[in-house]
Amino acid sequence: MKTKDYVPTSEAMFLQWAQTLIAYVLANLTIFGIDQAEVTPIQAKLAAFVAAFNKAQEPNHGRVDINAKNETQAELKSALRAFVKAWLIYNPKVSDSDKENMGLPLHKTARTPTPAPKTIPELEFDVAIIRQVSIHFRDSGSEKRGKPEYVHGIELRWAIMDSAPESESDLKSSVFDTASPYTFSFDETQRGKSLYVCPRWENNKGDKGPWGEISKAIIP
């Protein structure tokens, strides 16, 4: 049976996946036993693809811009596949949790049922891109981004509100994510408004952990 490809087919999703994977590797070079020199060429290919991708989104883009985007994406994809195979998939220092956080396949047929999570997530907001709020998450007290071992993903309860909510029950919308970061996208009319988010972990059986603190970000 053919295994599902772990590399996203959508250009936008591929870009986010590549950025997440490289950022995660850079944050864990020492733990994974990987030299910076192995990552630097991929960082350069990522930068080239980002530039070409953004250029191709401009209203006056041409065929040359589309070709440049396609070529840089293909080069980055090939380099990432080789890097993943050489340094991540079979690396004993890279845990299954690490692989899930990077969007990589696991070499097992089923997840082992686990108890409900006991810890809470901590959130970090990134508002560098206009009309977007990216949320990086980590386990409470951890220095490493991503979910802890044996946690399947994170539930984010959220709402745009004029004043701070009293509890997570005031946040009426909910999303679920399995890999840090999660990115919210907004329209122009929502800029400057307050986004409130409250997180909790969830295991692969759907058992949920305790709610974390409610955090706030201003939509850029």
Protein backbone atom coordinates (compact mmCIF):
# COMPACT_ATOMS: atom_id res chain seq x y z
CA MET A 1 0.00 0.00 0.00
CA LYS A 2 1.36 3.42 -0.92
CA THR A 3 2.25 5.62 2.03
CA LYS A 4 0.80 9.12 2.09
CA ASP A 5 3.41 11.76 1.29
CA TYR A 6 4.32 13.86 4.33
CA VAL A 7 5.22 16.89 2.17
CA PRO A 8 2.16 19.19 1.70
CA THR A 9 1.06 19.70 -1.90
CA SER A 10 -0.36 23.20 -1.41
CA GLU A 11 2.33 25.86 -1.93
CA ALA A 12 1.22 27.91 1.08
CA MET A 13 1.00 24.84 3.33
CA PHE A 14 4.37 23.59 2.03
CA LEU A 15 5.94 26.94 2.91
CA GLN A 16 4.51 26.89 6.43
CA TRP A 17 5.59 23.26 6.91
CA ALA A 18 9.13 24.00 5.68
CA GLN A 19 9.44 27.05 7.95
CA THR A 20 8.15 25.09 10.94
CA LEU A 21 10.50 22.15 10.31
CA ILE A 22 13.60 24.30 9.86
CA ALA A 23 12.79 26.47 12.89
CA TYR A 24 12.28 23.34 15.00
CA VAL A 25 15.56 21.82 13.84
CA LEU A 26 17.46 25.06 14.53
CA ALA A 27 16.02 25.17 18.05
CA ASN A 28 17.18 21.58 18.69
CA LEU A 29 20.51 21.27 16.85
CA THR A 30 22.43 20.21 19.95
CA ILE A 31 19.76 17.77 21.10
CA PHE A 32 19.54 16.16 17.64
CA GLY A 33 23.33 16.13 17.16
CA ILE A 34 23.13 18.11 13.91
CA ASP A 35 25.76 20.65 12.81
CA GLN A 36 24.61 24.11 11.71
CA ALA A 37 26.51 23.61 8.45
CA GLU A 38 24.00 20.90 7.47
CA VAL A 39 21.10 23.34 7.80
CA THR A 40 22.59 26.54 6.33
CA PRO A 41 22.18 25.50 2.65
CA ILE A 42 18.51 24.65 3.29
CA GLN A 43 17.97 28.01 4.96
CA ALA A 44 19.28 29.67 1.81
CA LYS A 45 16.92 27.63 -0.38
CA LEU A 46 14.02 28.52 1.92
CA ALA A 47 14.86 32.22 1.66
CA ALA A 48 14.97 31.95 -2.13
CA PHE A 49 11.58 30.24 -2.23
CA VAL A 50 10.00 32.80 0.14
CA ALA A 51 11.22 35.65 -2.07
CA ALA A 52 9.99 33.94 -5.25
CA PHE A 53 6.68 32.96 -3.63
CA ASN A 54 6.01 36.54 -2.52
CA LYS A 55 6.99 37.91 -5.93
CA ALA A 56 4.55 35.52 -7.63
CA GLN A 57 1.73 36.82 -5.42
CA GLU A 58 2.10 40.39 -6.67
CA PRO A 59 -0.65 41.61 -9.04
CA ASN A 60 1.83 42.38 -11.84
CA HIS A 61 3.67 39.05 -11.68
CA GLY A 62 4.66 37.35 -14.93
CA ARG A 63 5.60 33.93 -16.26
CA VAL A 64 9.22 34.46 -15.19
CA ASP A 65 8.06 34.95 -11.60
CA ILE A 66 5.93 31.78 -11.71
CA ASN A 67 8.83 29.77 -13.12
CA ALA A 68 11.17 31.11 -10.43
CA LYS A 69 8.68 30.15 -7.72
CA ASN A 70 8.27 26.62 -9.11
CA GLU A 71 12.01 26.10 -9.49
CA THR A 72 12.92 27.33 -5.99
CA GLN A 73 10.12 25.25 -4.48
CA ALA A 74 11.35 22.10 -6.24
CA GLU A 75 14.92 22.74 -5.07
CA LEU A 76 13.81 23.31 -1.48
CA LYS A 77 11.56 20.24 -1.50
CA SER A 78 14.36 18.01 -2.79
CA ALA A 79 16.82 19.36 -0.22
CA LEU A 80 14.34 18.89 2.63
CA ARG A 81 13.56 15.29 1.64
CA ALA A 82 17.27 14.45 1.63
CA PHE A 83 17.82 16.22 4.96
CA VAL A 84 14.85 14.50 6.61
CA LYS A 85 16.05 11.09 5.45
CA ALA A 86 19.67 11.70 6.51
CA TRP A 87 19.17 13.48 9.83
CA LEU A 88 15.66 13.11 11.22
CA ILE A 89 13.66 9.98 10.34
CA TYR A 90 16.20 7.45 11.61
CA ASN A 91 17.93 9.65 14.17
CA PRO A 92 17.50 8.02 17.64
CA LYS A 93 17.81 11.47 19.24
CA VAL A 94 14.65 12.63 17.43
CA SER A 95 11.60 11.40 19.35
CA ASP A 96 8.21 10.52 17.88
CA SER A 97 6.88 13.69 19.49
CA ASP A 98 9.58 15.70 17.70
CA LYS A 99 8.64 14.08 14.40
CA GLU A 100 4.97 14.90 14.88
CA ASN A 101 5.84 18.49 15.75
CA MET A 102 7.75 18.71 12.46
CA GLY A 103 5.02 17.04 10.43
CA LEU A 104 7.07 13.91 9.72
CA PRO A 105 5.83 10.30 9.49
CA LEU A 106 6.19 7.83 12.35
CA HIS A 107 7.33 4.27 11.83
CA LYS A 108 4.56 2.54 13.74
CA THR A 109 1.09 1.28 12.86
CA ALA A 110 -0.90 2.74 15.74
CA ARG A 111 -0.60 5.22 18.55
CA THR A 112 -0.41 3.86 22.07
CA PRO A 113 -3.35 5.02 24.21
CA THR A 114 -2.19 7.41 26.90
CA PRO A 115 -3.68 9.04 30.02
CA ALA A 116 -5.27 12.47 29.82
CA PRO A 117 -2.67 15.29 29.76
CA LYS A 118 -1.83 16.79 33.15
CA THR A 119 0.21 19.82 32.13
CA ILE A 120 -0.86 23.06 30.42
CA PRO A 121 0.40 24.75 27.24
CA GLU A 122 2.19 28.07 27.11
CA LEU A 123 1.57 30.36 24.11
CA GLU A 124 3.85 32.74 22.23
CA PHE A 125 2.32 35.14 19.68
CA ASP A 126 3.97 36.22 16.42
CA VAL A 127 2.35 39.30 14.81
CA ALA A 128 5.08 40.09 12.28
CA ILE A 129 2.79 39.54 9.26
CA ILE A 130 -0.10 41.91 8.61
CA ARG A 131 -3.58 40.43 9.29
CA GLN A 132 -2.05 37.25 10.74
CA VAL A 133 -1.42 35.99 14.26
CA SER A 134 0.77 32.90 14.53
CA ILE A 135 0.71 31.02 17.82
CA HIS A 136 3.73 28.96 18.88
CA PHE A 137 3.11 26.62 21.77
CA ARG A 138 5.17 24.61 24.24
CA ASP A 139 4.56 22.63 27.39
CA SER A 140 4.58 24.58 30.64
CA GLY A 141 8.17 25.02 31.81
CA SER A 142 9.69 23.60 28.60
CA GLU A 143 12.24 25.48 26.53
CA LYS A 144 11.35 23.50 23.40
CA ARG A 145 8.44 24.52 21.16
CA GLY A 146 5.82 21.94 20.27
CA LYS A 147 3.62 19.56 22.22
CA PRO A 148 5.00 17.22 24.90
CA GLU A 149 5.49 13.47 24.52
CA TYR A 150 2.27 11.47 24.09
CA VAL A 151 0.10 14.53 23.45
CA HIS A 152 -1.68 14.46 20.09
CA GLY A 153 -2.45 18.15 19.75
CA ILE A 154 -3.73 21.38 21.20
CA GLU A 155 -7.20 22.91 21.36
CA LEU A 156 -7.29 26.69 21.08
CA ARG A 157 -10.47 28.38 22.29
CA TRP A 158 -10.57 31.93 20.93
CA ALA A 159 -12.61 35.04 20.33
CA ILE A 160 -12.22 38.66 19.25
CA MET A 161 -13.54 40.74 22.14
CA ASP A 162 -13.60 44.34 23.29
CA SER A 163 -12.78 43.40 26.89
CA ALA A 164 -11.01 40.51 28.55
CA PRO A 165 -13.10 37.34 29.07
CA GLU A 166 -13.75 36.08 32.58
CA SER A 167 -13.04 32.45 31.64
CA GLU A 168 -12.44 30.17 28.66
CA SER A 169 -16.20 29.57 28.42
CA ASP A 170 -16.53 33.13 27.08
CA LEU A 171 -14.42 32.16 24.07
CA LYS A 172 -16.95 30.75 21.62
CA SER A 173 -14.70 29.56 18.76
CA SER A 174 -12.35 26.58 18.80
CA VAL A 175 -9.62 25.12 16.58
CA PHE A 176 -7.38 22.06 16.93
CA ASP A 177 -3.76 21.82 15.80
CA THR A 178 -1.08 19.13 15.97
CA ALA A 179 2.05 21.11 15.02
CA SER A 180 3.33 24.47 16.26
CA PRO A 181 2.66 27.15 15.10
CA TYR A 182 -1.03 27.64 14.35
CA THR A 183 -1.80 30.71 12.21
CA PHE A 184 -4.98 32.77 12.34
CA SER A 185 -5.80 34.92 9.29
CA PHE A 186 -8.01 38.00 9.54
CA ASP A 187 -9.45 40.65 7.23
CA GLU A 188 -8.68 44.36 7.11
CA THR A 189 -11.66 45.33 9.28
CA GLN A 190 -10.33 43.22 12.17
CA ARG A 191 -6.94 44.94 12.42
CA GLY A 192 -6.27 46.53 15.78
CA LYS A 193 -8.82 44.37 17.60
CA SER A 194 -8.00 42.11 20.55
CA LEU A 195 -7.68 38.35 20.04
CA TYR A 196 -8.04 36.23 23.18
CA VAL A 197 -6.88 32.59 23.18
CA CYS A 198 -6.97 29.83 25.81
CA PRO A 199 -5.21 26.46 25.21
CA ARG A 200 -5.35 22.89 26.48
CA TRP A 201 -3.65 19.65 25.42
CA GLU A 202 -5.48 16.61 24.05
CA ASN A 203 -4.28 13.02 23.68
CA ASN A 204 -4.98 10.60 20.83
CA LYS A 205 -8.15 9.31 22.54
CA GLY A 206 -9.67 12.77 22.80
CA ASP A 207 -8.99 13.10 26.53
CA LYS A 208 -8.32 16.74 27.36
CA GLY A 209 -6.00 18.34 29.89
CA PRO A 210 -6.59 21.41 32.07
CA TRP A 211 -7.03 24.84 30.48
CA GLY A 212 -4.00 27.12 30.38
CA GLU A 213 -3.99 30.87 30.84
CA ILE A 214 -5.97 33.19 28.54
CA SER A 215 -3.56 35.17 26.37
CA LYS A 216 -4.13 38.30 24.31
CA ALA A 217 -2.75 39.60 21.01
CA ILE A 218 -3.56 42.70 18.97
CA ILE A 219 -4.32 41.79 15.34
CA PRO A 220 -1.69 43.55 13.17
